PDB file of N, CA and C in Angstrom:
ATOM      1  N   ASN A   1      54.927 158.128  53.870  1.00  0.00           N
ATOM      2  CA  ASN A   1      53.957 157.382  53.748  1.00  0.00           C
ATOM      3  C   ASN A   1      52.899 158.247  54.415  1.00  0.00           C
ATOM      4  N   TRP A   2      53.833 159.133  54.951  1.00  0.00           N
ATOM      5  CA  TRP A   2      51.858 160.089  55.298  1.00  0.00           C
ATOM      6  C   TRP A   2      51.655 160.884  54.638  1.00  0.00           C
ATOM      7  N   ARG A   3      52.002 160.868  53.518  1.00  0.00           N
ATOM      8  CA  ARG A   3      51.753 161.460  51.971  1.00  0.00           C
ATOM      9  C   ARG A   3      50.433 160.711  51.048  1.00  0.00           C
ATOM     10  N   THR A   4      51.070 159.054  51.383  1.00  0.00           N
ATOM     11  CA  THR A   4      49.861 157.949  51.026  1.00  0.00           C
ATOM     12  C   THR A   4      48.737 157.956  51.716  1.00  0.00           C
ATOM     13  N   VAL A   5      48.841 158.238  53.199  1.00  0.00           N
ATOM     14  CA  VAL A   5      47.537 158.046  53.935  1.00  0.00           C
ATOM     15  C   VAL A   5      46.776 159.596  53.452  1.00  0.00           C
ATOM     16  N   VAL A   6      47.185 160.569  53.218  1.00  0.00           N
ATOM     17  CA  VAL A   6      46.730 161.715  53.145  1.00  0.00           C
ATOM     18  C   VAL A   6      45.990 161.463  51.958  1.00  0.00           C
ATOM     19  N   ALA A   7      46.728 161.116  50.930  1.00  0.00           N
ATOM     20  CA  ALA A   7      46.088 160.968  49.207  1.00  0.00           C
ATOM     21  C   ALA A   7      44.534 160.258  49.755  1.00  0.00           C
ATOM     22  N   ARG A   8      45.095 158.993  49.983  1.00  0.00           N
ATOM     23  CA  ARG A   8      44.129 158.323  50.562  1.00  0.00           C
ATOM     24  C   ARG A   8      42.499 158.900  50.663  1.00  0.00           C
ATOM     25  N   ALA A   9      42.806 158.716  52.014  1.00  0.00           N
ATOM     26  CA  ALA A   9      42.070 159.571  53.080  1.00  0.00           C
ATOM     27  C   ALA A   9      41.528 160.935  52.629  1.00  0.00           C
ATOM     28  N   GLY A  10      42.523 161.833  52.591  1.00  0.00           N
ATOM     29  CA  GLY A  10      41.671 162.903  51.704  1.00  0.00           C
ATOM     30  C   GLY A  10      41.040 162.874  50.789  1.00  0.00           C
ATOM     31  N   ASN A  11      41.954 162.717  49.773  1.00  0.00           N
ATOM     32  CA  ASN A  11      41.671 163.160  48.397  1.00  0.00           C
ATOM     33  C   ASN A  11      40.708 161.920  47.526  1.00  0.00           C
ATOM     34  N   GLY A  12      40.626 160.512  48.486  1.00  0.00           N
ATOM     35  CA  GLY A  12      40.267 159.846  47.469  1.00  0.00           C
ATOM     36  C   GLY A  12      41.091 159.040  46.424  1.00  0.00           C
ATOM     37  N   ALA A  13      42.227 159.362  46.687  1.00  0.00           N
ATOM     38  CA  ALA A  13      43.210 158.884  45.339  1.00  0.00           C
ATOM     39  C   ALA A  13      43.634 157.518  45.613  1.00  0.00           C
ATOM     40  N   VAL A  14      43.836 156.749  44.544  1.00  0.00           N
ATOM     41  CA  VAL A  14      44.273 155.388  44.411  1.00  0.00           C
ATOM     42  C   VAL A  14      45.853 155.475  44.491  1.00  0.00           C
ATOM     43  N   VAL A  15      46.374 155.208  45.286  1.00  0.00           N
ATOM     44  CA  VAL A  15      47.762 154.862  45.954  1.00  0.00           C
ATOM     45  C   VAL A  15      48.857 153.813  45.867  1.00  0.00           C
ATOM     46  N   SER A  16      49.484 153.479  45.276  1.00  0.00           N
ATOM     47  CA  SER A  16      49.918 152.402  44.915  1.00  0.00           C
ATOM     48  C   SER A  16      51.129 152.335  46.131  1.00  0.00           C
ATOM     49  N   ALA A  17      51.767 151.964  47.183  1.00  0.00           N
ATOM     50  CA  ALA A  17      52.654 152.095  47.659  1.00  0.00           C
ATOM     51  C   ALA A  17      53.340 150.757  48.401  1.00  0.00           C
ATOM     52  N   ASN A  18      53.776 150.061  47.642  1.00  0.00           N
ATOM     53  CA  ASN A  18      54.731 148.398  48.117  1.00  0.00           C
ATOM     54  C   ASN A  18      55.961 148.478  48.241  1.00  0.00           C
ATOM     55  N   MET A  19      56.525 147.618  49.330  1.00  0.00           N
ATOM     56  CA  MET A  19      57.390 147.555  49.701  1.00  0.00           C
ATOM     57  C   MET A  19      58.333 146.937  48.948  1.00  0.00           C
ATOM     58  N   ALA A  20      59.542 147.015  48.439  1.00  0.00           N
ATOM     59  CA  ALA A  20      60.160 146.732  47.569  1.00  0.00           C
ATOM     60  C   ALA A  20      61.316 145.331  48.602  1.00  0.00           C
ATOM     61  N   PRO A  21      61.805 144.550  48.188  1.00  0.00           N
ATOM     62  CA  PRO A  21      62.563 143.536  48.949  1.00  0.00           C
ATOM     63  C   PRO A  21      64.055 144.390  48.144  1.00  0.00           C
ATOM     64  N   ALA A  22      65.485 143.704  49.459  1.00  0.00           N
ATOM     65  CA  ALA A  22      66.212 144.285  49.551  1.00  0.00           C
ATOM     66  C   ALA A  22      66.940 143.521  48.319  1.00  0.00           C
ATOM     67  N   SER A  23      67.263 144.876  47.272  1.00  0.00           N
ATOM     68  CA  SER A  23      68.000 144.011  45.681  1.00  0.00           C
ATOM     69  C   SER A  23      69.492 144.754  46.158  1.00  0.00           C
ATOM     70  N   ARG A  24      70.573 143.498  44.422  1.00  0.00           N
ATOM     71  CA  ARG A  24      71.193 144.229  44.899  1.00  0.00           C
ATOM     72  C   ARG A  24      71.464 145.159  43.844  1.00  0.00           C
ATOM     73  N   THR A  25      70.635 146.508  43.874  1.00  0.00           N
ATOM     74  CA  THR A  25      70.789 147.257  43.185  1.00  0.00           C
ATOM     75  C   THR A  25      72.589 148.516  43.077  1.00  0.00           C
ATOM     76  N   ALA A  26      72.533 148.742  41.867  1.00  0.00           N
ATOM     77  CA  ALA A  26      74.339 149.146  42.219  1.00  0.00           C
ATOM     78  C   ALA A  26      74.276 150.473  43.756  1.00  0.00           C
ATOM     79  N   SER A  27      73.348 150.985  43.582  1.00  0.00           N
ATOM     80  CA  SER A  27      73.414 151.732  44.598  1.00  0.00           C
ATOM     81  C   SER A  27      73.641 151.271  46.171  1.00  0.00           C
ATOM     82  N   MET A  28      73.349 149.549  46.071  1.00  0.00           N
ATOM     83  CA  MET A  28      73.361 148.920  47.217  1.00  0.00           C
ATOM     84  C   MET A  28      75.148 148.180  47.109  1.00  0.00           C
ATOM     85  N   GLN A  29      75.469 147.967  45.856  1.00  0.00           N
ATOM     86  CA  GLN A  29      77.044 147.464  45.309  1.00  0.00           C
ATOM     87  C   GLN A  29      77.872 148.471  45.690  1.00  0.00           C
ATOM     88  N   HIS A  30      77.857 148.990  45.694  1.00  0.00           N
ATOM     89  CA  HIS A  30      78.881 150.487  45.490  1.00  0.00           C
ATOM     90  C   HIS A  30      79.524 150.483  46.653  1.00  0.00           C
ATOM     91  N   VAL A  31      78.841 149.912  47.486  1.00  0.00           N
ATOM     92  CA  VAL A  31      79.542 149.566  49.445  1.00  0.00           C
ATOM     93  C   VAL A  31      80.022 148.585  49.420  1.00  0.00           C
ATOM     94  N   LYS A  32      80.762 147.808  49.274  1.00  0.00           N
ATOM     95  CA  LYS A  32      81.464 146.403  49.492  1.00  0.00           C
ATOM     96  C   LYS A  32      80.979 146.224  50.515  1.00  0.00           C
ATOM     97  N   THR A  33      80.653 146.813  51.854  1.00  0.00           N
ATOM     98  CA  THR A  33      80.383 146.140  53.549  1.00  0.00           C
ATOM     99  C   THR A  33      78.729 145.765  53.096  1.00  0.00           C
ATOM    100  N   ILE A  34      78.187 146.497  52.608  1.00  0.00           N
ATOM    101  CA  ILE A  34      76.358 146.162  52.335  1.00  0.00           C
ATOM    102  C   ILE A  34      76.510 145.227  51.170  1.00  0.00           C
ATOM    103  N   ALA A  35      77.082 145.108  50.051  1.00  0.00           N
ATOM    104  CA  ALA A  35      77.194 144.423  49.202  1.00  0.00           C
ATOM    105  C   ALA A  35      76.976 142.083  49.657  1.00  0.00           C
ATOM    106  N   VAL A  36      78.318 143.062  50.446  1.00  0.00           N
ATOM    107  CA  VAL A  36      79.233 141.727  51.025  1.00  0.00           C
ATOM    108  C   VAL A  36      78.240 141.413  52.145  1.00  0.00           C
ATOM    109  N   ALA A  37      77.385 142.042  52.888  1.00  0.00           N
ATOM    110  CA  ALA A  37      75.679 141.515  53.836  1.00  0.00           C
ATOM    111  C   ALA A  37      75.126 141.085  53.499  1.00  0.00           C
ATOM    112  N   LEU A  38      74.636 141.971  52.103  1.00  0.00           N
ATOM    113  CA  LEU A  38      73.632 140.965  51.240  1.00  0.00           C
ATOM    114  C   LEU A  38      73.364 139.517  50.673  1.00  0.00           C
ATOM    115  N   GLU A  39      74.589 139.045  50.417  1.00  0.00           N
ATOM    116  CA  GLU A  39      75.357 138.050  50.205  1.00  0.00           C
ATOM    117  C   GLU A  39      74.736 137.346  51.353  1.00  0.00           C
ATOM    118  N   GLY A  40      75.316 137.669  52.326  1.00  0.00           N
ATOM    119  CA  GLY A  40      75.264 137.067  53.503  1.00  0.00           C
ATOM    120  C   GLY A  40      74.115 136.657  54.307  1.00  0.00           C
ATOM    121  N   GLN A  41      72.887 137.233  53.910  1.00  0.00           N
ATOM    122  CA  GLN A  41      72.175 137.278  54.797  1.00  0.00           C
ATOM    123  C   GLN A  41      71.332 135.564  54.023  1.00  0.00           C
ATOM    124  N   ARG A  42      71.561 135.734  52.536  1.00  0.00           N
ATOM    125  CA  ARG A  42      71.112 134.015  52.685  1.00  0.00           C
ATOM    126  C   ARG A  42      71.372 132.966  54.200  1.00  0.00           C
ATOM    127  N   HIS A  43      72.294 133.415  54.882  1.00  0.00           N
ATOM    128  CA  HIS A  43      72.339 132.370  55.675  1.00  0.00           C
ATOM    129  C   HIS A  43      71.662 131.966  56.947  1.00  0.00           C
ATOM    130  N   PHE A  44      70.529 133.005  56.689  1.00  0.00           N
ATOM    131  CA  PHE A  44      69.872 133.486  57.854  1.00  0.00           C
ATOM    132  C   PHE A  44      68.383 133.503  57.229  1.00  0.00           C
ATOM    133  N   ALA A  45      67.854 132.553  57.205  1.00  0.00           N
ATOM    134  CA  ALA A  45      66.462 131.687  56.342  1.00  0.00           C
ATOM    135  C   ALA A  45      65.395 132.196  57.473  1.00  0.00           C
ATOM    136  N   PRO A  46      64.343 133.161  56.458  1.00  0.00           N
ATOM    137  CA  PRO A  46      64.214 133.354  55.493  1.00  0.00           C
ATOM    138  C   PRO A  46      64.630 134.412  54.512  1.00  0.00           C
ATOM    139  N   LEU A  47      65.315 135.287  55.015  1.00  0.00           N
ATOM    140  CA  LEU A  47      66.139 136.133  54.390  1.00  0.00           C
ATOM    141  C   LEU A  47      66.850 136.169  52.908  1.00  0.00           C
ATOM    142  N   ALA A  48      66.856 136.807  52.031  1.00  0.00           N
ATOM    143  CA  ALA A  48      67.151 136.930  50.445  1.00  0.00           C
ATOM    144  C   ALA A  48      67.171 138.248  50.035  1.00  0.00           C
ATOM    145  N   ALA A  49      68.053 138.208  49.389  1.00  0.00           N
ATOM    146  CA  ALA A  49      68.350 138.963  48.479  1.00  0.00           C
ATOM    147  C   ALA A  49      67.986 139.439  46.937  1.00  0.00           C
ATOM    148  N   PHE A  50      67.509 140.166  46.223  1.00  0.00           N
ATOM    149  CA  PHE A  50      66.871 140.041  44.960  1.00  0.00           C
ATOM    150  C   PHE A  50      68.097 140.699  43.851  1.00  0.00           C
ATOM    151  N   ASP A  51      67.731 140.356  42.316  1.00  0.00           N
ATOM    152  CA  ASP A  51      68.743 140.947  41.536  1.00  0.00           C
ATOM    153  C   ASP A  51      67.691 141.671  41.281  1.00  0.00           C
ATOM    154  N   PRO A  52      68.167 143.035  40.528  1.00  0.00           N
ATOM    155  CA  PRO A  52      67.687 144.016  40.267  1.00  0.00           C
ATOM    156  C   PRO A  52      66.342 144.180  39.233  1.00  0.00           C
ATOM    157  N   GLU A  53      66.736 142.785  38.129  1.00  0.00           N
ATOM    158  CA  GLU A  53      65.938 142.897  37.501  1.00  0.00           C
ATOM    159  C   GLU A  53      64.757 142.568  37.446  1.00  0.00           C
ATOM    160  N   PHE A  54      64.696 141.290  38.407  1.00  0.00           N
ATOM    161  CA  PHE A  54      63.679 140.845  38.986  1.00  0.00           C
ATOM    162  C   PHE A  54      63.140 141.731  39.979  1.00  0.00           C
ATOM    163  N   CYS A  55      63.768 142.616  40.686  1.00  0.00           N
ATOM    164  CA  CYS A  55      62.592 143.500  41.877  1.00  0.00           C
ATOM    165  C   CYS A  55      61.797 144.515  40.787  1.00  0.00           C
ATOM    166  N   ALA A  56      62.309 145.446  39.609  1.00  0.00           N
ATOM    167  CA  ALA A  56      61.908 145.809  38.849  1.00  0.00           C
ATOM    168  C   ALA A  56      60.783 145.376  38.015  1.00  0.00           C
ATOM    169  N   GLU A  57      60.554 143.728  37.574  1.00  0.00           N
ATOM    170  CA  GLU A  57      59.605 142.757  36.814  1.00  0.00           C
ATOM    171  C   GLU A  57      58.653 143.299  38.385  1.00  0.00           C
ATOM    172  N   LEU A  58      58.596 142.364  38.965  1.00  0.00           N
ATOM    173  CA  LEU A  58      57.921 142.322  39.950  1.00  0.00           C
ATOM    174  C   LEU A  58      57.370 143.606  41.033  1.00  0.00           C
ATOM    175  N   MET A  59      57.777 144.626  40.487  1.00  0.00           N
ATOM    176  CA  MET A  59      57.418 145.975  41.578  1.00  0.00           C
ATOM    177  C   MET A  59      56.351 146.493  39.998  1.00  0.00           C
ATOM    178  N   ALA A  60      56.984 146.682  39.057  1.00  0.00           N
ATOM    179  CA  ALA A  60      56.119 147.410  37.968  1.00  0.00           C
ATOM    180  C   ALA A  60      54.456 146.338  37.983  1.00  0.00           C
ATOM    181  N   ALA A  61      54.779 144.927  37.877  1.00  0.00           N
ATOM    182  CA  ALA A  61      53.188 144.213  38.214  1.00  0.00           C
ATOM    183  C   ALA A  61      52.674 144.244  39.250  1.00  0.00           C
ATOM    184  N   LEU A  62      53.344 144.548  40.778  1.00  0.00           N
ATOM    185  CA  LEU A  62      52.451 145.338  41.702  1.00  0.00           C
ATOM    186  C   LEU A  62      51.838 146.300  41.131  1.00  0.00           C
ATOM    187  N   LEU A  63      52.347 147.079  40.630  1.00  0.00           N
ATOM    188  CA  LEU A  63      51.973 148.674  40.489  1.00  0.00           C
ATOM    189  C   LEU A  63      50.717 148.573  39.327  1.00  0.00           C
ATOM    190  N   LEU A  64      50.604 147.927  38.153  1.00  0.00           N
ATOM    191  CA  LEU A  64      49.874 147.329  37.320  1.00  0.00           C
ATOM    192  C   LEU A  64      48.322 146.910  37.907  1.00  0.00           C
ATOM    193  N   TYR A  65      48.944 146.197  38.577  1.00  0.00           N
ATOM    194  CA  TYR A  65      47.498 145.104  39.520  1.00  0.00           C
ATOM    195  C   TYR A  65      47.341 146.202  40.759  1.00  0.00           C
ATOM    196  N   ASP A  66      47.466 147.295  41.029  1.00  0.00           N
ATOM    197  CA  ASP A  66      47.415 148.355  41.818  1.00  0.00           C
ATOM    198  C   ASP A  66      46.313 149.358  41.566  1.00  0.00           C
ATOM    199  N   ILE A  67      47.000 149.667  40.550  1.00  0.00           N
ATOM    200  CA  ILE A  67      45.784 150.534  39.518  1.00  0.00           C
ATOM    201  C   ILE A  67      44.932 149.822  38.581  1.00  0.00           C
ATOM    202  N   GLY A  68      44.631 148.959  38.237  1.00  0.00           N
ATOM    203  CA  GLY A  68      44.072 147.731  37.240  1.00  0.00           C
ATOM    204  C   GLY A  68      42.523 147.593  38.120  1.00  0.00           C
ATOM    205  N   CYS A  69      43.098 146.861  39.354  1.00  0.00           N
ATOM    206  CA  CYS A  69      42.597 145.651  39.987  1.00  0.00           C
ATOM    207  C   CYS A  69      41.221 146.653  41.270  1.00  0.00           C
ATOM    208  N   GLU A  70      39.950 146.657  41.114  1.00  0.00           N
ATOM    209  CA  GLU A  70      40.107 147.652  42.178  1.00  0.00           C
ATOM    210  C   GLU A  70      39.977 146.598  43.671  1.00  0.00           C
ATOM    211  N   GLY A  71      40.339 145.526  43.208  1.00  0.00           N
ATOM    212  CA  GLY A  71      40.354 144.720  44.934  1.00  0.00           C
ATOM    213  C   GLY A  71      41.406 144.990  45.474  1.00  0.00           C
ATOM    214  N   SER A  72      42.498 145.964  44.961  1.00  0.00           N
ATOM    215  CA  SER A  72      43.978 145.561  45.899  1.00  0.00           C
ATOM    216  C   SER A  72      43.829 146.636  46.667  1.00  0.00           C
ATOM    217  N   SER A  73      44.635 146.533  47.523  1.00  0.00           N
ATOM    218  CA  SER A  73      44.492 147.687  48.606  1.00  0.00           C
ATOM    219  C   SER A  73      45.335 149.047  48.337  1.00  0.00           C
ATOM    220  N   ALA A  74      45.257 149.583  47.246  1.00  0.00           N
ATOM    221  CA  ALA A  74      45.443 150.704  46.713  1.00  0.00           C
ATOM    222  C   ALA A  74      44.250 151.677  46.513  1.00  0.00           C
ATOM    223  N   HIS A  75      43.241 151.198  46.555  1.00  0.00           N
ATOM    224  CA  HIS A  75      42.091 152.075  46.039  1.00  0.00           C
ATOM    225  C   HIS A  75      41.721 151.863  47.804  1.00  0.00           C
ATOM    226  N   PRO A  76      41.144 153.546  47.863  1.00  0.00           N
ATOM    227  CA  PRO A  76      40.278 153.677  49.043  1.00  0.00           C
ATOM    228  C   PRO A  76      39.269 152.933  49.811  1.00  0.00           C
ATOM    229  N   GLY A  77      39.087 153.070  50.771  1.00  0.00           N
ATOM    230  CA  GLY A  77      38.089 152.357  51.424  1.00  0.00           C
ATOM    231  C   GLY A  77      38.790 150.623  51.810  1.00  0.00           C
ATOM    232  N   TRP A  78      39.559 150.459  51.141  1.00  0.00           N
ATOM    233  CA  TRP A  78      39.958 148.732  51.556  1.00  0.00           C
ATOM    234  C   TRP A  78      40.868 148.479  52.234  1.00  0.00           C
ATOM    235  N   ALA A  79      41.463 149.387  53.268  1.00  0.00           N
ATOM    236  CA  ALA A  79      42.110 149.000  54.523  1.00  0.00           C
ATOM    237  C   ALA A  79      41.301 149.294  55.175  1.00  0.00           C
ATOM    238  N   LYS A  80      41.265 148.848  56.539  1.00  0.00           N
ATOM    239  CA  LYS A  80      40.558 148.768  57.948  1.00  0.00           C
ATOM    240  C   LYS A  80      41.572 149.879  58.942  1.00  0.00           C
ATOM    241  N   HIS A  81      42.937 149.787  58.674  1.00  0.00           N
ATOM    242  CA  HIS A  81      43.617 150.750  58.894  1.00  0.00           C
ATOM    243  C   HIS A  81      44.697 151.831  57.909  1.00  0.00           C
ATOM    244  N   PRO A  82      45.005 152.930  58.384  1.00  0.00           N
ATOM    245  CA  PRO A  82      45.634 153.502  57.003  1.00  0.00           C
ATOM    246  C   PRO A  82      46.906 153.155  56.736  1.00  0.00           C
ATOM    247  N   MET A  83      47.770 152.385  58.084  1.00  0.00           N
ATOM    248  CA  MET A  83      48.914 151.849  57.067  1.00  0.00           C
ATOM    249  C   MET A  83      48.584 150.276  56.671  1.00  0.00           C
ATOM    250  N   ASP A  84      47.735 149.501  56.705  1.00  0.00           N
ATOM    251  CA  ASP A  84      47.359 148.627  56.181  1.00  0.00           C
ATOM    252  C   ASP A  84      48.070 148.499  54.616  1.00  0.00           C
ATOM    253  N   VAL A  85      48.096 149.606  53.920  1.00  0.00           N
ATOM    254  CA  VAL A  85      48.355 149.729  52.452  1.00  0.00           C
ATOM    255  C   VAL A  85      49.760 149.373  52.735  1.00  0.00           C
ATOM    256  N   PHE A  86      50.545 149.460  53.272  1.00  0.00           N
ATOM    257  CA  PHE A  86      52.217 149.176  53.088  1.00  0.00           C
ATOM    258  C   PHE A  86      52.906 147.614  53.400  1.00  0.00           C
ATOM    259  N   GLY A  87      51.410 147.078  54.158  1.00  0.00           N
ATOM    260  CA  GLY A  87      52.175 145.649  54.247  1.00  0.00           C
ATOM    261  C   GLY A  87      51.451 144.702  53.357  1.00  0.00           C
ATOM    262  N   ALA A  88      50.404 145.366  52.784  1.00  0.00           N
ATOM    263  CA  ALA A  88      48.940 144.254  52.019  1.00  0.00           C
ATOM    264  C   ALA A  88      50.108 143.566  50.966  1.00  0.00           C
ATOM    265  N   THR A  89      50.707 144.341  50.087  1.00  0.00           N
ATOM    266  CA  THR A  89      51.528 143.744  49.050  1.00  0.00           C
ATOM    267  C   THR A  89      52.773 143.542  48.925  1.00  0.00           C
ATOM    268  N   ALA A  90      53.013 143.779  50.329  1.00  0.00           N
ATOM    269  CA  ALA A  90      54.792 144.168  50.361  1.00  0.00           C
ATOM    270  C   ALA A  90      55.138 142.615  50.287  1.00  0.00           C
ATOM    271  N   VAL A  91      57.005 142.956  49.341  1.00  0.00           N
ATOM    272  CA  VAL A  91      57.613 142.309  49.014  1.00  0.00           C
ATOM    273  C   VAL A  91      58.662 142.210  50.113  1.00  0.00           C
ATOM    274  N   HIS A  92      58.769 141.535  51.267  1.00  0.00           N
ATOM    275  CA  HIS A  92      59.461 141.769  52.498  1.00  0.00           C
ATOM    276  C   HIS A  92      61.032 141.135  52.295  1.00  0.00           C
ATOM    277  N   GLY A  93      60.975 139.937  51.292  1.00  0.00           N
ATOM    278  CA  GLY A  93      62.139 139.493  51.471  1.00  0.00           C
ATOM    279  C   GLY A  93      62.707 138.687  52.117  1.00  0.00           C
ATOM    280  N   GLY A  94      61.117 138.291  53.472  1.00  0.00           N
ATOM    281  CA  GLY A  94      61.537 137.315  54.357  1.00  0.00           C
ATOM    282  C   GLY A  94      62.209 137.756  55.662  1.00  0.00           C
ATOM    283  N   CYS A  95      61.872 139.369  55.716  1.00  0.00           N
ATOM    284  CA  CYS A  95      62.601 140.080  56.871  1.00  0.00           C
ATOM    285  C   CYS A  95      60.946 140.117  57.780  1.00  0.00           C
ATOM    286  N   TRP A  96      60.279 139.972  57.378  1.00  0.00           N
ATOM    287  CA  TRP A  96      59.004 140.252  58.687  1.00  0.00           C
ATOM    288  C   TRP A  96      58.666 138.696  59.363  1.00  0.00           C
ATOM    289  N   ARG A  97      59.571 137.506  58.229  1.00  0.00           N
ATOM    290  CA  ARG A  97      59.242 136.380  59.113  1.00  0.00           C
ATOM    291  C   ARG A  97      60.821 135.706  59.779  1.00  0.00           C
ATOM    292  N   CYS A  98      61.842 136.222  59.817  1.00  0.00           N
ATOM    293  CA  CYS A  98      62.666 136.177  60.296  1.00  0.00           C
ATOM    294  C   CYS A  98      63.033 136.084  61.699  1.00  0.00           C
ATOM    295  N   ALA A  99      63.485 135.319  62.601  1.00  0.00           N
ATOM    296  CA  ALA A  99      63.426 135.178  63.720  1.00  0.00           C
ATOM    297  C   ALA A  99      64.322 136.794  64.477  1.00  0.00           C
ATOM    298  N   TYR A 100      65.508 136.746  63.542  1.00  0.00           N
ATOM    299  CA  TYR A 100      66.006 137.886  63.605  1.00  0.00           C
ATOM    300  C   TYR A 100      65.608 139.412  62.759  1.00  0.00           C
ATOM    301  N   THR A 101      65.942 140.359  63.566  1.00  0.00           N
ATOM    302  CA  THR A 101      66.206 141.488  63.076  1.00  0.00           C
ATOM    303  C   THR A 101      67.115 141.815  61.909  1.00  0.00           C
ATOM    304  N   VAL A 102      66.492 142.563  60.945  1.00  0.00           N
ATOM    305  CA  VAL A 102      68.314 142.836  60.309  1.00  0.00           C
ATOM    306  C   VAL A 102      69.320 143.529  61.056  1.00  0.00           C
ATOM    307  N   ASP A 103      68.580 144.540  61.537  1.00  0.00           N
ATOM    308  CA  ASP A 103      69.852 145.421  62.410  1.00  0.00           C
ATOM    309  C   ASP A 103      70.879 144.268  63.441  1.00  0.00           C
ATOM    310  N   SER A 104      70.091 143.468  63.943  1.00  0.00           N
ATOM    311  CA  SER A 104      70.460 142.213  64.909  1.00  0.00           C
ATOM    312  C   SER A 104      71.702 141.397  64.189  1.00  0.00           C
ATOM    313  N   ILE A 105      71.586 141.209  62.647  1.00  0.00           N
ATOM    314  CA  ILE A 105      71.957 140.015  62.331  1.00  0.00           C
ATOM    315  C   ILE A 105      73.235 140.947  61.203  1.00  0.00           C
ATOM    316  N   GLY A 106      73.408 142.246  61.099  1.00  0.00           N
ATOM    317  CA  GLY A 106      74.205 142.922  60.316  1.00  0.00           C
ATOM    318  C   GLY A 106      75.867 142.525  60.307  1.00  0.00           C
ATOM    319  N   ARG A 107      76.520 142.130  61.485  1.00  0.00           N
ATOM    320  CA  ARG A 107      77.539 141.813  61.546  1.00  0.00           C
ATOM    321  C   ARG A 107      77.988 140.252  60.994  1.00  0.00           C
ATOM    322  N   ALA A 108      77.237 139.775  61.973  1.00  0.00           N
ATOM    323  CA  ALA A 108      76.861 138.266  60.717  1.00  0.00           C
ATOM    324  C   ALA A 108      76.346 138.098  59.492  1.00  0.00           C
ATOM    325  N   SER A 109      76.016 138.667  59.735  1.00  0.00           N
ATOM    326  CA  SER A 109      76.119 138.598  57.676  1.00  0.00           C
ATOM    327  C   SER A 109      76.807 139.399  57.152  1.00  0.00           C
ATOM    328  N   TYR A 110      77.538 139.978  57.311  1.00  0.00           N
ATOM    329  CA  TYR A 110      78.933 140.487  56.446  1.00  0.00           C
ATOM    330  C   TYR A 110      79.628 139.304  57.140  1.00  0.00           C
ATOM    331  N   ILE A 111      79.858 138.402  57.870  1.00  0.00           N
ATOM    332  CA  ILE A 111      80.526 137.238  58.631  1.00  0.00           C
ATOM    333  C   ILE A 111      80.518 136.484  57.546  1.00  0.00           C
ATOM    334  N   CYS A 112      79.435 135.870  57.197  1.00  0.00           N
ATOM    335  CA  CYS A 112      78.948 134.151  56.430  1.00  0.00           C
ATOM    336  C   CYS A 112      79.460 135.495  54.996  1.00  0.00           C
ATOM    337  N   GLY A 113      79.015 136.554  54.410  1.00  0.00           N
ATOM    338  CA  GLY A 113      79.144 136.622  53.024  1.00  0.00           C
ATOM    339  C   GLY A 113      80.687 136.968  52.966  1.00  0.00           C
ATOM    340  N   MET A 114      81.704 137.524  53.552  1.00  0.00           N
ATOM    341  CA  MET A 114      83.378 137.350  53.359  1.00  0.00           C
ATOM    342  C   MET A 114      83.509 136.076  53.292  1.00  0.00           C
ATOM    343  N   LEU A 115      82.804 134.874  54.274  1.00  0.00           N
ATOM    344  CA  LEU A 115      83.375 133.423  54.027  1.00  0.00           C
ATOM    345  C   LEU A 115      82.698 132.691  53.247  1.00  0.00           C
ATOM    346  N   TRP A 116      81.454 132.888  53.047  1.00  0.00           N
ATOM    347  CA  TRP A 116      80.643 131.761  52.345  1.00  0.00           C
ATOM    348  C   TRP A 116      79.915 132.475  51.316  1.00  0.00           C
ATOM    349  N   GLY A 117      80.110 133.849  50.867  1.00  0.00           N
ATOM    350  CA  GLY A 117      79.390 133.740  49.401  1.00  0.00           C
ATOM    351  C   GLY A 117      77.575 134.484  49.641  1.00  0.00           C
TER     352      GLY A 117
END
């Protein structure tokens, strides 16, 4: 994150730094506990885990928007605070609107995933 802030502020570079949602990638699915907990997150609205194909297309579209649109948060001078670039177009999967933190529902997500998928 610090490299994004330095590149924008110091060099005036266009920097795309979008937050991707939780997704069912191979690196997340190879650990059974995490795979089950990802499936259990849907029982804690508005949390959601996404398929990797959807995330790849979404993140590619956000990258193209950041590069091509002068009004995007990737361009220097857009943000009032240096960290605004990370939240402007973040796809948080519901974690910023959920009543619980992801850490606080880890065990419950796992149990829900085991019982109801």
